[in-house]
Amino acid sequence: MSSKEIIINNEGIAKALTRISHEIIERNEFLCDVALVGIQRRGVPMAKRLADIIYDSTGILVPVGILDITFYRDDLSLLSEHPVINGTDIDFTIDGKNIILIDDVLFSGRTARAGIDGLFDLGRASSVQLVALVDRGHRELPIRADYVGINISSPKETQIDVCLTEIDGVDEVVLHKIS
């Protein structure tokens, strides 16, 4: 049996993304050298929202790309016999860019590592920075986010789901407790 608890609502997500976008602006002197890359699936709408907030704040249109990490995962054989491929769509060069890689939840660090591997196959970025809406700890790899919406301490056995309107019809972060 499991129970669910909404730990962040739509207003909390909006505030977190606004704060993260302002941190990106502050830390990156030349936004013309910045590109946002969302990891499929929920990193993509987050990247688009961050780009919109950055544009509204600065008037600078930061390019947004989509990265599918399916074939870079070290657990691909454990996921499914027929994994779902969502596709990569990056229509700009990443060479020399400060790439901001965006994911919904940072947990073990394996998804972020797969994202970095995927980026390296596309070119040589000047730097890679990581955004996570939720950082729940329990790292298995030495990875940390440069920008975090919220840190949540929860037992490893729980599950945290980020729901976004573009995919799920609602904005919220949900903690599932399995009993």
N, C-alpha and C. Protein backbone atom coordinates (compact mmCIF):
# COMPACT_ATOMS: atom_id res chain seq x y z
N MET A 1 0.85 -1.18 0.00
CA MET A 1 0.00 0.00 0.00
C MET A 1 0.89 1.24 0.00
N SER A 2 0.45 2.25 -0.70
CA SER A 2 1.23 3.48 -0.73
C SER A 2 0.32 4.67 -0.49
N SER A 3 0.93 5.72 0.04
CA SER A 3 0.21 6.97 0.23
C SER A 3 0.99 8.06 -0.49
N LYS A 4 0.27 9.11 -0.86
CA LYS A 4 0.96 10.19 -1.55
C LYS A 4 0.73 11.49 -0.82
N GLU A 5 1.75 12.33 -0.90
CA GLU A 5 1.71 13.64 -0.26
C GLU A 5 2.24 14.66 -1.26
N ILE A 6 1.43 15.68 -1.53
CA ILE A 6 1.89 16.76 -2.40
C ILE A 6 2.81 17.65 -1.57
N ILE A 7 4.07 17.74 -2.01
CA ILE A 7 5.03 18.52 -1.23
C ILE A 7 5.34 19.87 -1.86
N ILE A 8 5.04 20.02 -3.16
CA ILE A 8 5.15 21.32 -3.81
C ILE A 8 3.97 21.44 -4.77
N ASN A 9 3.29 22.57 -4.71
CA ASN A 9 2.16 22.81 -5.62
C ASN A 9 2.63 23.66 -6.81
N ASN A 10 1.67 24.05 -7.65
CA ASN A 10 2.02 24.81 -8.85
C ASN A 10 2.71 26.13 -8.52
N GLU A 11 2.29 26.79 -7.47
CA GLU A 11 2.91 28.05 -7.08
C GLU A 11 4.36 27.84 -6.64
N GLY A 12 4.61 26.77 -5.91
CA GLY A 12 5.96 26.45 -5.47
C GLY A 12 6.89 26.14 -6.63
N ILE A 13 6.37 25.41 -7.62
CA ILE A 13 7.18 25.10 -8.80
C ILE A 13 7.50 26.38 -9.57
N ALA A 14 6.52 27.24 -9.73
CA ALA A 14 6.74 28.51 -10.45
C ALA A 14 7.79 29.35 -9.73
N LYS A 15 7.71 29.44 -8.42
CA LYS A 15 8.69 30.21 -7.65
C LYS A 15 10.09 29.61 -7.78
N ALA A 16 10.18 28.28 -7.70
CA ALA A 16 11.48 27.62 -7.80
C ALA A 16 12.11 27.87 -9.17
N LEU A 17 11.33 27.75 -10.24
CA LEU A 17 11.86 27.97 -11.58
C LEU A 17 12.25 29.43 -11.80
N THR A 18 11.49 30.34 -11.23
CA THR A 18 11.85 31.76 -11.33
C THR A 18 13.16 32.03 -10.62
N ARG A 19 13.32 31.47 -9.42
CA ARG A 19 14.56 31.65 -8.67
C ARG A 19 15.74 31.05 -9.42
N ILE A 20 15.56 29.84 -9.95
CA ILE A 20 16.63 29.19 -10.70
C ILE A 20 17.02 30.02 -11.92
N SER A 21 16.03 30.55 -12.64
CA SER A 21 16.35 31.35 -13.83
C SER A 21 17.16 32.59 -13.46
N HIS A 22 16.83 33.22 -12.34
CA HIS A 22 17.60 34.39 -11.90
C HIS A 22 19.01 33.99 -11.47
N GLU A 23 19.17 32.82 -10.87
CA GLU A 23 20.51 32.34 -10.53
C GLU A 23 21.33 32.07 -11.79
N ILE A 24 20.69 31.51 -12.81
CA ILE A 24 21.38 31.27 -14.09
C ILE A 24 21.86 32.59 -14.68
N ILE A 25 20.99 33.60 -14.66
CA ILE A 25 21.36 34.92 -15.17
C ILE A 25 22.54 35.49 -14.40
N GLU A 26 22.51 35.38 -13.08
CA GLU A 26 23.58 35.93 -12.24
C GLU A 26 24.91 35.22 -12.45
N ARG A 27 24.90 33.90 -12.63
CA ARG A 27 26.13 33.12 -12.71
C ARG A 27 26.74 33.08 -14.10
N ASN A 28 25.99 33.47 -15.11
CA ASN A 28 26.47 33.39 -16.49
C ASN A 28 26.50 34.79 -17.10
N GLU A 29 27.69 35.39 -17.08
CA GLU A 29 27.85 36.77 -17.50
C GLU A 29 27.38 37.01 -18.94
N PHE A 30 27.66 36.08 -19.83
CA PHE A 30 27.29 36.24 -21.24
C PHE A 30 26.23 35.22 -21.60
N LEU A 31 24.97 35.61 -21.52
CA LEU A 31 23.88 34.69 -21.82
C LEU A 31 23.88 34.25 -23.29
N CYS A 32 24.56 35.00 -24.15
CA CYS A 32 24.64 34.60 -25.55
C CYS A 32 25.46 33.32 -25.72
N ASP A 33 26.23 32.95 -24.69
CA ASP A 33 27.02 31.72 -24.72
C ASP A 33 26.33 30.56 -23.99
N VAL A 34 25.08 30.78 -23.56
CA VAL A 34 24.35 29.79 -22.77
C VAL A 34 23.29 29.11 -23.63
N ALA A 35 23.11 27.81 -23.42
CA ALA A 35 22.01 27.06 -24.02
C ALA A 35 21.45 26.13 -22.96
N LEU A 36 20.15 25.96 -22.98
CA LEU A 36 19.46 25.07 -22.06
C LEU A 36 19.15 23.76 -22.77
N VAL A 37 19.42 22.65 -22.11
CA VAL A 37 19.11 21.33 -22.68
C VAL A 37 18.33 20.54 -21.65
N GLY A 38 17.08 20.23 -22.00
CA GLY A 38 16.22 19.46 -21.12
C GLY A 38 16.35 17.98 -21.39
N ILE A 39 16.49 17.20 -20.32
CA ILE A 39 16.52 15.75 -20.45
C ILE A 39 15.08 15.26 -20.60
N GLN A 40 14.84 14.42 -21.62
CA GLN A 40 13.51 13.87 -21.85
C GLN A 40 13.04 13.14 -20.59
N ARG A 41 11.94 13.30 -20.08
CA ARG A 41 10.76 13.97 -20.51
C ARG A 41 10.58 15.28 -19.77
N ARG A 42 10.52 15.26 -18.45
CA ARG A 42 10.11 16.46 -17.74
C ARG A 42 11.16 17.56 -17.68
N GLY A 43 12.39 17.26 -18.03
CA GLY A 43 13.39 18.32 -18.14
C GLY A 43 13.12 19.25 -19.31
N VAL A 44 12.39 18.75 -20.31
CA VAL A 44 12.12 19.55 -21.51
C VAL A 44 11.18 20.72 -21.22
N PRO A 45 9.99 20.49 -20.65
CA PRO A 45 9.14 21.65 -20.35
C PRO A 45 9.78 22.59 -19.32
N MET A 46 10.57 22.04 -18.41
CA MET A 46 11.27 22.90 -17.46
C MET A 46 12.25 23.81 -18.19
N ALA A 47 12.99 23.27 -19.16
CA ALA A 47 13.94 24.07 -19.93
C ALA A 47 13.22 25.18 -20.68
N LYS A 48 12.09 24.85 -21.28
CA LYS A 48 11.32 25.86 -22.02
C LYS A 48 10.80 26.95 -21.09
N ARG A 49 10.34 26.56 -19.91
CA ARG A 49 9.86 27.56 -18.95
C ARG A 49 11.00 28.46 -18.48
N LEU A 50 12.17 27.85 -18.20
CA LEU A 50 13.32 28.66 -17.78
C LEU A 50 13.72 29.64 -18.88
N ALA A 51 13.72 29.19 -20.13
CA ALA A 51 14.07 30.08 -21.24
C ALA A 51 13.09 31.24 -21.32
N ASP A 52 11.79 30.97 -21.12
CA ASP A 52 10.79 32.03 -21.15
C ASP A 52 11.01 33.05 -20.02
N ILE A 53 11.33 32.55 -18.84
CA ILE A 53 11.57 33.46 -17.70
C ILE A 53 12.82 34.30 -17.94
N ILE A 54 13.87 33.66 -18.47
CA ILE A 54 15.10 34.40 -18.78
C ILE A 54 14.82 35.47 -19.83
N TYR A 55 14.05 35.14 -20.85
CA TYR A 55 13.70 36.11 -21.89
C TYR A 55 12.90 37.27 -21.30
N ASP A 56 11.90 36.95 -20.46
CA ASP A 56 11.10 38.01 -19.83
C ASP A 56 11.95 38.92 -18.95
N SER A 57 13.00 38.39 -18.34
CA SER A 57 13.86 39.17 -17.44
C SER A 57 14.92 39.96 -18.17
N THR A 58 15.42 39.42 -19.30
CA THR A 58 16.59 40.03 -19.94
C THR A 58 16.37 40.43 -21.40
N GLY A 59 15.35 39.89 -22.04
CA GLY A 59 15.15 40.12 -23.46
C GLY A 59 16.05 39.27 -24.34
N ILE A 60 16.79 38.35 -23.72
CA ILE A 60 17.70 37.47 -24.46
C ILE A 60 17.04 36.12 -24.63
N LEU A 61 16.99 35.67 -25.87
CA LEU A 61 16.41 34.38 -26.19
C LEU A 61 17.50 33.32 -26.13
N VAL A 62 17.44 32.48 -25.11
CA VAL A 62 18.42 31.41 -24.91
C VAL A 62 17.92 30.17 -25.64
N PRO A 63 18.77 29.54 -26.48
CA PRO A 63 18.31 28.35 -27.19
C PRO A 63 18.01 27.19 -26.25
N VAL A 64 17.03 26.37 -26.65
CA VAL A 64 16.61 25.22 -25.86
C VAL A 64 16.72 23.98 -26.73
N GLY A 65 17.35 22.95 -26.17
CA GLY A 65 17.47 21.67 -26.85
C GLY A 65 16.85 20.57 -26.02
N ILE A 66 16.63 19.45 -26.68
CA ILE A 66 16.02 18.28 -26.05
C ILE A 66 17.00 17.12 -26.17
N LEU A 67 17.26 16.44 -25.05
CA LEU A 67 18.21 15.33 -25.04
C LEU A 67 17.52 14.07 -24.55
N ASP A 68 17.57 13.02 -25.36
CA ASP A 68 17.09 11.70 -24.96
C ASP A 68 18.30 10.89 -24.52
N ILE A 69 18.29 10.44 -23.28
CA ILE A 69 19.45 9.73 -22.73
C ILE A 69 19.25 8.22 -22.71
N THR A 70 18.20 7.73 -23.32
CA THR A 70 17.86 6.31 -23.23
C THR A 70 19.06 5.40 -23.46
N PHE A 71 19.79 5.62 -24.54
CA PHE A 71 20.90 4.72 -24.87
C PHE A 71 22.18 5.01 -24.09
N TYR A 72 22.15 6.02 -23.25
CA TYR A 72 23.31 6.34 -22.41
C TYR A 72 23.15 5.82 -20.98
N ARG A 73 21.99 5.28 -20.68
CA ARG A 73 21.72 4.79 -19.33
C ARG A 73 22.50 3.51 -19.07
N ASP A 74 23.01 3.35 -17.85
CA ASP A 74 23.73 2.12 -17.50
C ASP A 74 22.78 1.02 -17.05
N ASP A 75 21.49 1.33 -16.97
CA ASP A 75 20.50 0.34 -16.56
C ASP A 75 19.51 0.04 -17.69
N LEU A 76 19.91 0.30 -18.92
CA LEU A 76 19.02 0.14 -20.07
C LEU A 76 18.42 -1.27 -20.13
N SER A 77 19.25 -2.27 -19.88
CA SER A 77 18.75 -3.64 -19.97
C SER A 77 17.75 -3.96 -18.86
N LEU A 78 17.76 -3.19 -17.79
CA LEU A 78 16.83 -3.42 -16.68
C LEU A 78 15.51 -2.71 -16.89
N LEU A 79 15.48 -1.69 -17.76
CA LEU A 79 14.28 -0.88 -17.93
C LEU A 79 13.18 -1.60 -18.68
N SER A 80 13.51 -2.09 -19.85
CA SER A 80 12.48 -2.69 -20.69
C SER A 80 13.15 -3.37 -21.87
N GLU A 81 12.49 -4.38 -22.40
CA GLU A 81 13.00 -5.03 -23.59
C GLU A 81 12.90 -4.09 -24.79
N HIS A 82 11.89 -3.21 -24.77
CA HIS A 82 11.68 -2.23 -25.84
C HIS A 82 11.54 -0.85 -25.23
N PRO A 83 12.67 -0.19 -24.94
CA PRO A 83 12.59 1.13 -24.31
C PRO A 83 11.95 2.16 -25.23
N VAL A 84 11.29 3.13 -24.62
CA VAL A 84 10.66 4.21 -25.37
C VAL A 84 11.72 5.25 -25.72
N ILE A 85 11.84 5.57 -27.00
CA ILE A 85 12.79 6.57 -27.47
C ILE A 85 12.01 7.84 -27.78
N ASN A 86 12.34 8.92 -27.10
CA ASN A 86 11.63 10.18 -27.30
C ASN A 86 12.35 11.12 -28.26
N GLY A 87 13.63 10.89 -28.49
CA GLY A 87 14.36 11.67 -29.47
C GLY A 87 15.13 12.85 -28.90
N THR A 88 16.25 13.13 -29.54
CA THR A 88 17.08 14.28 -29.22
C THR A 88 16.85 15.32 -30.31
N ASP A 89 16.71 16.57 -29.90
CA ASP A 89 16.52 17.66 -30.86
C ASP A 89 17.32 18.86 -30.37
N ILE A 90 18.55 18.96 -30.82
CA ILE A 90 19.41 20.09 -30.48
C ILE A 90 19.85 20.68 -31.81
N ASP A 91 19.25 21.83 -32.17
CA ASP A 91 19.51 22.42 -33.48
C ASP A 91 20.53 23.55 -33.42
N PHE A 92 21.43 23.48 -32.46
CA PHE A 92 22.52 24.44 -32.34
C PHE A 92 23.76 23.67 -31.95
N THR A 93 24.91 24.25 -32.22
CA THR A 93 26.15 23.61 -31.81
C THR A 93 26.36 23.82 -30.31
N ILE A 94 26.82 22.78 -29.65
CA ILE A 94 27.13 22.95 -28.23
C ILE A 94 28.59 23.32 -28.02
N ASP A 95 29.37 23.27 -29.09
CA ASP A 95 30.79 23.61 -29.00
C ASP A 95 30.95 25.03 -28.46
N GLY A 96 31.73 25.15 -27.38
CA GLY A 96 32.01 26.46 -26.80
C GLY A 96 30.88 27.06 -25.99
N LYS A 97 29.77 26.40 -25.90
CA LYS A 97 28.61 26.92 -25.14
C LYS A 97 28.69 26.49 -23.68
N ASN A 98 28.08 27.28 -22.84
CA ASN A 98 27.84 26.89 -21.46
C ASN A 98 26.47 26.22 -21.47
N ILE A 99 26.47 24.90 -21.38
CA ILE A 99 25.24 24.12 -21.46
C ILE A 99 24.68 23.94 -20.06
N ILE A 100 23.41 24.25 -19.94
CA ILE A 100 22.72 24.03 -18.67
C ILE A 100 21.78 22.85 -18.89
N LEU A 101 22.11 21.74 -18.27
CA LEU A 101 21.39 20.49 -18.40
C LEU A 101 20.30 20.47 -17.33
N ILE A 102 19.07 20.13 -17.74
CA ILE A 102 17.93 20.27 -16.85
C ILE A 102 17.21 18.95 -16.68
N ASP A 103 16.99 18.58 -15.41
CA ASP A 103 16.26 17.36 -15.08
C ASP A 103 15.31 17.66 -13.92
N ASP A 104 14.30 16.82 -13.76
CA ASP A 104 13.31 17.06 -12.73
C ASP A 104 13.79 16.66 -11.34
N VAL A 105 14.31 15.43 -11.20
CA VAL A 105 14.73 14.93 -9.88
C VAL A 105 16.16 14.43 -9.97
N LEU A 106 16.99 14.88 -9.04
CA LEU A 106 18.35 14.37 -8.91
C LEU A 106 18.35 13.40 -7.74
N PHE A 107 18.67 12.15 -8.04
CA PHE A 107 18.62 11.10 -7.03
C PHE A 107 19.99 10.41 -6.97
N SER A 108 20.19 9.37 -7.73
CA SER A 108 21.45 8.63 -7.70
C SER A 108 22.58 9.35 -8.45
N GLY A 109 22.21 10.19 -9.41
CA GLY A 109 23.20 10.88 -10.24
C GLY A 109 23.40 10.18 -11.58
N ARG A 110 22.78 9.04 -11.76
CA ARG A 110 22.98 8.26 -12.99
C ARG A 110 22.34 8.91 -14.22
N THR A 111 21.18 9.53 -14.05
CA THR A 111 20.54 10.21 -15.18
C THR A 111 21.39 11.41 -15.61
N ALA A 112 21.89 12.17 -14.65
CA ALA A 112 22.75 13.31 -14.98
C ALA A 112 24.01 12.85 -15.69
N ARG A 113 24.61 11.76 -15.23
CA ARG A 113 25.80 11.23 -15.88
C ARG A 113 25.50 10.82 -17.32
N ALA A 114 24.36 10.17 -17.52
CA ALA A 114 23.96 9.78 -18.87
C ALA A 114 23.75 11.02 -19.74
N GLY A 115 23.18 12.08 -19.16
CA GLY A 115 22.99 13.33 -19.90
C GLY A 115 24.31 13.96 -20.31
N ILE A 116 25.27 13.94 -19.41
CA ILE A 116 26.59 14.49 -19.72
C ILE A 116 27.26 13.66 -20.82
N ASP A 117 27.15 12.35 -20.73
CA ASP A 117 27.70 11.48 -21.78
C ASP A 117 27.06 11.80 -23.13
N GLY A 118 25.73 11.99 -23.13
CA GLY A 118 25.03 12.32 -24.36
C GLY A 118 25.50 13.65 -24.95
N LEU A 119 25.72 14.63 -24.08
CA LEU A 119 26.21 15.93 -24.55
C LEU A 119 27.61 15.80 -25.15
N PHE A 120 28.48 15.02 -24.50
CA PHE A 120 29.85 14.86 -25.00
C PHE A 120 29.87 14.25 -26.39
N ASP A 121 28.88 13.42 -26.71
CA ASP A 121 28.81 12.85 -28.06
C ASP A 121 28.40 13.88 -29.10
N LEU A 122 27.84 15.01 -28.66
CA LEU A 122 27.36 16.04 -29.58
C LEU A 122 28.37 17.17 -29.80
N GLY A 123 29.40 17.22 -28.98
CA GLY A 123 30.38 18.28 -29.14
C GLY A 123 31.11 18.58 -27.84
N ARG A 124 31.87 19.66 -27.87
CA ARG A 124 32.67 20.04 -26.70
C ARG A 124 32.14 21.35 -26.14
N ALA A 125 31.33 21.23 -25.11
CA ALA A 125 30.80 22.40 -24.43
C ALA A 125 31.90 23.06 -23.61
N SER A 126 31.78 24.37 -23.45
CA SER A 126 32.72 25.09 -22.60
C SER A 126 32.54 24.67 -21.14
N SER A 127 31.28 24.48 -20.74
CA SER A 127 30.97 23.98 -19.40
C SER A 127 29.60 23.33 -19.43
N VAL A 128 29.35 22.50 -18.44
CA VAL A 128 28.04 21.89 -18.24
C VAL A 128 27.63 22.18 -16.81
N GLN A 129 26.47 22.81 -16.68
CA GLN A 129 25.90 23.09 -15.36
C GLN A 129 24.61 22.28 -15.26
N LEU A 130 24.22 21.91 -14.04
CA LEU A 130 23.07 21.03 -13.85
C LEU A 130 21.99 21.72 -13.03
N VAL A 131 20.75 21.61 -13.54
CA VAL A 131 19.56 22.09 -12.83
C VAL A 131 18.74 20.87 -12.42
N ALA A 132 18.28 20.86 -11.18
CA ALA A 132 17.33 19.85 -10.71
C ALA A 132 16.23 20.57 -9.94
N LEU A 133 15.00 20.33 -10.32
CA LEU A 133 13.90 20.92 -9.55
C LEU A 133 13.91 20.36 -8.14
N VAL A 134 14.16 19.06 -8.01
CA VAL A 134 14.20 18.40 -6.70
C VAL A 134 15.51 17.65 -6.57
N ASP A 135 16.21 17.88 -5.47
CA ASP A 135 17.40 17.11 -5.13
C ASP A 135 17.05 16.31 -3.88
N ARG A 136 17.00 14.99 -4.03
CA ARG A 136 16.60 14.17 -2.89
C ARG A 136 17.76 13.40 -2.27
N GLY A 137 18.98 13.67 -2.72
CA GLY A 137 20.12 13.00 -2.11
C GLY A 137 20.27 11.56 -2.58
N HIS A 138 20.94 10.75 -1.77
CA HIS A 138 21.17 9.33 -2.04
C HIS A 138 22.03 9.10 -3.28
N ARG A 139 23.04 9.93 -3.48
CA ARG A 139 23.91 9.83 -4.65
C ARG A 139 24.68 8.52 -4.68
N GLU A 140 24.80 7.97 -5.88
CA GLU A 140 25.65 6.82 -6.13
C GLU A 140 26.88 7.24 -6.93
N LEU A 141 26.84 8.44 -7.48
CA LEU A 141 27.94 8.99 -8.26
C LEU A 141 28.26 10.39 -7.74
N PRO A 142 29.49 10.87 -7.94
CA PRO A 142 29.86 12.20 -7.43
C PRO A 142 29.32 13.32 -8.32
N ILE A 143 28.00 13.51 -8.27
CA ILE A 143 27.32 14.51 -9.10
C ILE A 143 26.56 15.43 -8.16
N ARG A 144 26.59 16.71 -8.46
CA ARG A 144 25.78 17.67 -7.69
C ARG A 144 25.16 18.67 -8.65
N ALA A 145 24.02 19.20 -8.25
CA ALA A 145 23.35 20.20 -9.09
C ALA A 145 23.90 21.59 -8.77
N ASP A 146 24.03 22.40 -9.81
CA ASP A 146 24.44 23.80 -9.64
C ASP A 146 23.26 24.66 -9.22
N TYR A 147 22.06 24.24 -9.63
CA TYR A 147 20.84 24.98 -9.34
C TYR A 147 19.79 23.97 -8.87
N VAL A 148 19.20 24.23 -7.70
CA VAL A 148 18.22 23.31 -7.13
C VAL A 148 16.99 24.09 -6.71
N GLY A 149 15.82 23.56 -7.08
CA GLY A 149 14.57 24.17 -6.66
C GLY A 149 14.29 23.90 -5.20
N ILE A 150 14.38 22.63 -4.80
CA ILE A 150 14.13 22.24 -3.42
C ILE A 150 14.91 20.97 -3.09
N ASN A 151 15.44 20.92 -1.88
CA ASN A 151 16.08 19.72 -1.36
C ASN A 151 15.06 18.98 -0.51
N ILE A 152 14.90 17.71 -0.76
CA ILE A 152 13.94 16.91 0.00
C ILE A 152 14.67 15.70 0.56
N SER A 153 14.65 15.58 1.88
CA SER A 153 15.21 14.39 2.52
C SER A 153 14.08 13.38 2.66
N SER A 154 14.25 12.26 2.03
CA SER A 154 13.24 11.21 2.14
C SER A 154 13.96 9.87 2.09
N PRO A 155 13.36 8.86 2.72
CA PRO A 155 13.99 7.53 2.67
C PRO A 155 14.17 7.07 1.23
N LYS A 156 15.20 6.29 1.02
CA LYS A 156 15.53 5.80 -0.32
C LYS A 156 14.37 5.01 -0.93
N GLU A 157 13.58 4.37 -0.10
CA GLU A 157 12.49 3.52 -0.57
C GLU A 157 11.28 4.31 -1.06
N THR A 158 11.22 5.60 -0.79
CA THR A 158 10.10 6.41 -1.26
C THR A 158 10.35 6.82 -2.71
N GLN A 159 9.33 7.34 -3.34
CA GLN A 159 9.45 7.82 -4.72
C GLN A 159 8.97 9.25 -4.78
N ILE A 160 9.68 10.07 -5.53
CA ILE A 160 9.27 11.45 -5.74
C ILE A 160 8.97 11.63 -7.22
N ASP A 161 7.78 12.12 -7.51
CA ASP A 161 7.37 12.36 -8.89
C ASP A 161 7.13 13.85 -9.09
N VAL A 162 7.71 14.38 -10.16
CA VAL A 162 7.41 15.75 -10.59
C VAL A 162 6.36 15.65 -11.67
N CYS A 163 5.26 16.33 -11.49
CA CYS A 163 4.20 16.39 -12.48
C CYS A 163 4.19 17.80 -13.06
N LEU A 164 4.16 17.88 -14.39
CA LEU A 164 4.14 19.18 -15.06
C LEU A 164 2.94 19.24 -15.99
N THR A 165 2.33 20.41 -16.05
CA THR A 165 1.11 20.61 -16.84
C THR A 165 1.27 20.11 -18.27
N GLU A 166 2.41 20.38 -18.89
CA GLU A 166 2.61 20.02 -20.29
C GLU A 166 2.52 18.51 -20.53
N ILE A 167 2.82 17.72 -19.52
CA ILE A 167 2.82 16.26 -19.66
C ILE A 167 1.70 15.62 -18.85
N ASP A 168 1.50 16.12 -17.63
CA ASP A 168 0.61 15.46 -16.66
C ASP A 168 -0.69 16.20 -16.40
N GLY A 169 -0.81 17.42 -16.91
CA GLY A 169 -2.03 18.19 -16.70
C GLY A 169 -2.07 18.97 -15.39
N VAL A 170 -1.02 18.85 -14.58
CA VAL A 170 -0.96 19.54 -13.29
C VAL A 170 0.50 19.78 -12.93
N ASP A 171 0.76 20.85 -12.20
CA ASP A 171 2.10 21.13 -11.67
C ASP A 171 2.12 20.78 -10.19
N GLU A 172 2.91 19.76 -9.83
CA GLU A 172 3.08 19.43 -8.43
C GLU A 172 4.22 18.43 -8.27
N VAL A 173 4.75 18.40 -7.08
CA VAL A 173 5.75 17.39 -6.73
C VAL A 173 5.11 16.52 -5.65
N VAL A 174 5.14 15.21 -5.91
CA VAL A 174 4.44 14.27 -5.04
C VAL A 174 5.43 13.28 -4.45
N LEU A 175 5.30 13.04 -3.15
CA LEU A 175 6.09 12.04 -2.45
C LEU A 175 5.19 10.83 -2.23
N HIS A 176 5.64 9.68 -2.70
CA HIS A 176 4.92 8.43 -2.52
C HIS A 176 5.60 7.63 -1.43
N LYS A 177 4.87 7.32 -0.37
CA LYS A 177 5.39 6.49 0.71
C LYS A 177 4.84 5.09 0.52
N ILE A 178 5.72 4.14 0.47
CA ILE A 178 5.32 2.75 0.28
C ILE A 178 5.39 2.06 1.63
N SER A 179 4.24 1.52 2.05
CA SER A 179 4.24 0.86 3.37
C SER A 179 4.04 -0.62 3.25
